Amino acid sequence: MRKSTGLDPLIASSVQQILTAILLERQEPWYLSDLAKRLGRRPSTLQKPLESLATAGILRRWADGNRVYFARDPDCPFLPELQG
């Protein structure tokens, strides 16, 4: 069972997991299915929070054929704070 953090009331656990994986765990882009597998979730449960993070300018989203990738957006003005 996951330990509660001070961010829990502010940020959904799925968003916390996504940000941790994308911002802290590796530099390479994540393929949606690989990210879902890493987080132990179905890809469909990650689509909405990933789209919200991309719309907010925190993540970059792009498709290559039928594959959808996500990575940190280096132009995000508060990226250093998120990675901290």
C-alpha atoms as a PDB file:
ATOM      1  CA  MET A   1       0.000   0.000   0.000  1.00  0.00           C
ATOM      2  CA  ARG A   2       1.256   3.454  -0.938  1.00  0.00           C
ATOM      3  CA  LYS A   3       2.159   5.834   1.872  1.00  0.00           C
ATOM      4  CA  SER A   4       0.158   9.075   1.954  1.00  0.00           C
ATOM      5  CA  THR A   5       2.005  12.269   1.052  1.00  0.00           C
ATOM      6  CA  GLY A   6       1.326  15.955   1.604  1.00  0.00           C
ATOM      7  CA  LEU A   7       0.388  16.271  -2.063  1.00  0.00           C
ATOM      8  CA  ASP A   8      -2.480  13.790  -1.879  1.00  0.00           C
ATOM      9  CA  PRO A   9      -5.207  16.382  -1.179  1.00  0.00           C
ATOM     10  CA  LEU A  10      -3.904  18.591  -4.006  1.00  0.00           C
ATOM     11  CA  ILE A  11      -2.837  16.229  -6.780  1.00  0.00           C
ATOM     12  CA  ALA A  12      -4.415  12.901  -7.704  1.00  0.00           C
ATOM     13  CA  SER A  13      -2.204   9.876  -7.102  1.00  0.00           C
ATOM     14  CA  SER A  14      -2.282   8.982 -10.811  1.00  0.00           C
ATOM     15  CA  VAL A  15      -0.893  12.432 -11.686  1.00  0.00           C
ATOM     16  CA  GLN A  16       1.763  12.094  -8.973  1.00  0.00           C
ATOM     17  CA  GLN A  17       2.800   8.709 -10.396  1.00  0.00           C
ATOM     18  CA  ILE A  18       2.913  10.060 -13.955  1.00  0.00           C
ATOM     19  CA  LEU A  19       5.014  13.068 -12.965  1.00  0.00           C
ATOM     20  CA  THR A  20       7.404  10.906 -10.956  1.00  0.00           C
ATOM     21  CA  ALA A  21       7.924   8.499 -13.849  1.00  0.00           C
ATOM     22  CA  ILE A  22       8.284  11.156 -16.534  1.00  0.00           C
ATOM     23  CA  LEU A  23      10.168  13.859 -14.637  1.00  0.00           C
ATOM     24  CA  LEU A  24      12.371  11.844 -12.300  1.00  0.00           C
ATOM     25  CA  GLU A  25      12.810   8.249 -13.428  1.00  0.00           C
ATOM     26  CA  ARG A  26      14.183   8.602 -16.940  1.00  0.00           C
ATOM     27  CA  GLN A  27      15.053  11.105 -19.641  1.00  0.00           C
ATOM     28  CA  GLU A  28      13.640   9.186 -22.617  1.00  0.00           C
ATOM     29  CA  PRO A  29      10.029   9.618 -23.770  1.00  0.00           C
ATOM     30  CA  TRP A  30       7.467   7.132 -22.520  1.00  0.00           C
ATOM     31  CA  TYR A  31       5.261   5.153 -24.848  1.00  0.00           C
ATOM     32  CA  LEU A  32       1.768   5.161 -23.306  1.00  0.00           C
ATOM     33  CA  SER A  33       1.566   1.376 -22.924  1.00  0.00           C
ATOM     34  CA  ASP A  34       5.031   1.178 -21.337  1.00  0.00           C
ATOM     35  CA  LEU A  35       4.153   3.934 -18.876  1.00  0.00           C
ATOM     36  CA  ALA A  36       0.898   2.179 -17.983  1.00  0.00           C
ATOM     37  CA  LYS A  37       2.747  -1.087 -17.430  1.00  0.00           C
ATOM     38  CA  ARG A  38       5.358   0.659 -15.245  1.00  0.00           C
ATOM     39  CA  LEU A  39       2.606   2.249 -13.118  1.00  0.00           C
ATOM     40  CA  GLY A  40       0.483  -0.903 -12.941  1.00  0.00           C
ATOM     41  CA  ARG A  41      -2.485   0.783 -14.603  1.00  0.00           C
ATOM     42  CA  ARG A  42      -4.474   0.385 -17.796  1.00  0.00           C
ATOM     43  CA  PRO A  43      -3.516   2.853 -20.550  1.00  0.00           C
ATOM     44  CA  SER A  44      -7.101   4.124 -20.724  1.00  0.00           C
ATOM     45  CA  THR A  45      -6.905   5.287 -17.089  1.00  0.00           C
ATOM     46  CA  LEU A  46      -3.866   7.438 -17.878  1.00  0.00           C
ATOM     47  CA  GLN A  47      -5.135   9.141 -21.018  1.00  0.00           C
ATOM     48  CA  LYS A  48      -7.111  11.938 -19.327  1.00  0.00           C
ATOM     49  CA  PRO A  49      -4.419  12.971 -16.798  1.00  0.00           C
ATOM     50  CA  LEU A  50      -1.727  12.775 -19.498  1.00  0.00           C
ATOM     51  CA  GLU A  51      -3.764  14.973 -21.841  1.00  0.00           C
ATOM     52  CA  SER A  52      -4.329  17.474 -19.009  1.00  0.00           C
ATOM     53  CA  LEU A  53      -0.598  17.611 -18.260  1.00  0.00           C
ATOM     54  CA  ALA A  54       0.147  18.097 -21.961  1.00  0.00           C
ATOM     55  CA  THR A  55      -2.473  20.853 -22.262  1.00  0.00           C
ATOM     56  CA  ALA A  56      -0.943  22.569 -19.217  1.00  0.00           C
ATOM     57  CA  GLY A  57       2.446  22.594 -20.951  1.00  0.00           C
ATOM     58  CA  ILE A  58       4.132  20.258 -18.475  1.00  0.00           C
ATOM     59  CA  LEU A  59       4.409  17.345 -20.897  1.00  0.00           C
ATOM     60  CA  ARG A  60       4.862  17.024 -24.638  1.00  0.00           C
ATOM     61  CA  ARG A  61       2.639  14.566 -26.491  1.00  0.00           C
ATOM     62  CA  TRP A  62       3.157  13.245 -29.997  1.00  0.00           C
ATOM     63  CA  ALA A  63       2.095  10.314 -32.098  1.00  0.00           C
ATOM     64  CA  ASP A  64       4.220   8.159 -34.336  1.00  0.00           C
ATOM     65  CA  GLY A  65       1.815   6.036 -36.308  1.00  0.00           C
ATOM     66  CA  ASN A  66      -0.504   4.437 -33.787  1.00  0.00           C
ATOM     67  CA  ARG A  67       1.929   4.918 -30.886  1.00  0.00           C
ATOM     68  CA  VAL A  68       1.511   7.893 -28.539  1.00  0.00           C
ATOM     69  CA  TYR A  69       4.519   9.206 -26.626  1.00  0.00           C
ATOM     70  CA  PHE A  70       4.884  11.558 -23.666  1.00  0.00           C
ATOM     71  CA  ALA A  71       7.934  13.372 -22.337  1.00  0.00           C
ATOM     72  CA  ARG A  72       8.710  16.365 -20.178  1.00  0.00           C
ATOM     73  CA  ASP A  73       8.324  19.684 -21.966  1.00  0.00           C
ATOM     74  CA  PRO A  74      11.666  21.481 -21.696  1.00  0.00           C
ATOM     75  CA  ASP A  75       9.858  24.793 -22.292  1.00  0.00           C
ATOM     76  CA  CYS A  76       7.738  24.397 -19.148  1.00  0.00           C
ATOM     77  CA  PRO A  77       8.663  27.425 -16.995  1.00  0.00           C
ATOM     78  CA  PHE A  78       8.275  25.563 -13.696  1.00  0.00           C
ATOM     79  CA  LEU A  79       9.900  22.280 -14.716  1.00  0.00           C
ATOM     80  CA  PRO A  80      12.802  22.740 -12.255  1.00  0.00           C
ATOM     81  CA  GLU A  81      10.352  23.113  -9.367  1.00  0.00           C
ATOM     82  CA  LEU A  82       8.484  19.977 -10.399  1.00  0.00           C
ATOM     83  CA  GLN A  83      11.705  18.001 -10.653  1.00  0.00           C
ATOM     84  CA  GLY A  84      12.773  19.254  -7.235  1.00  0.00           C
END
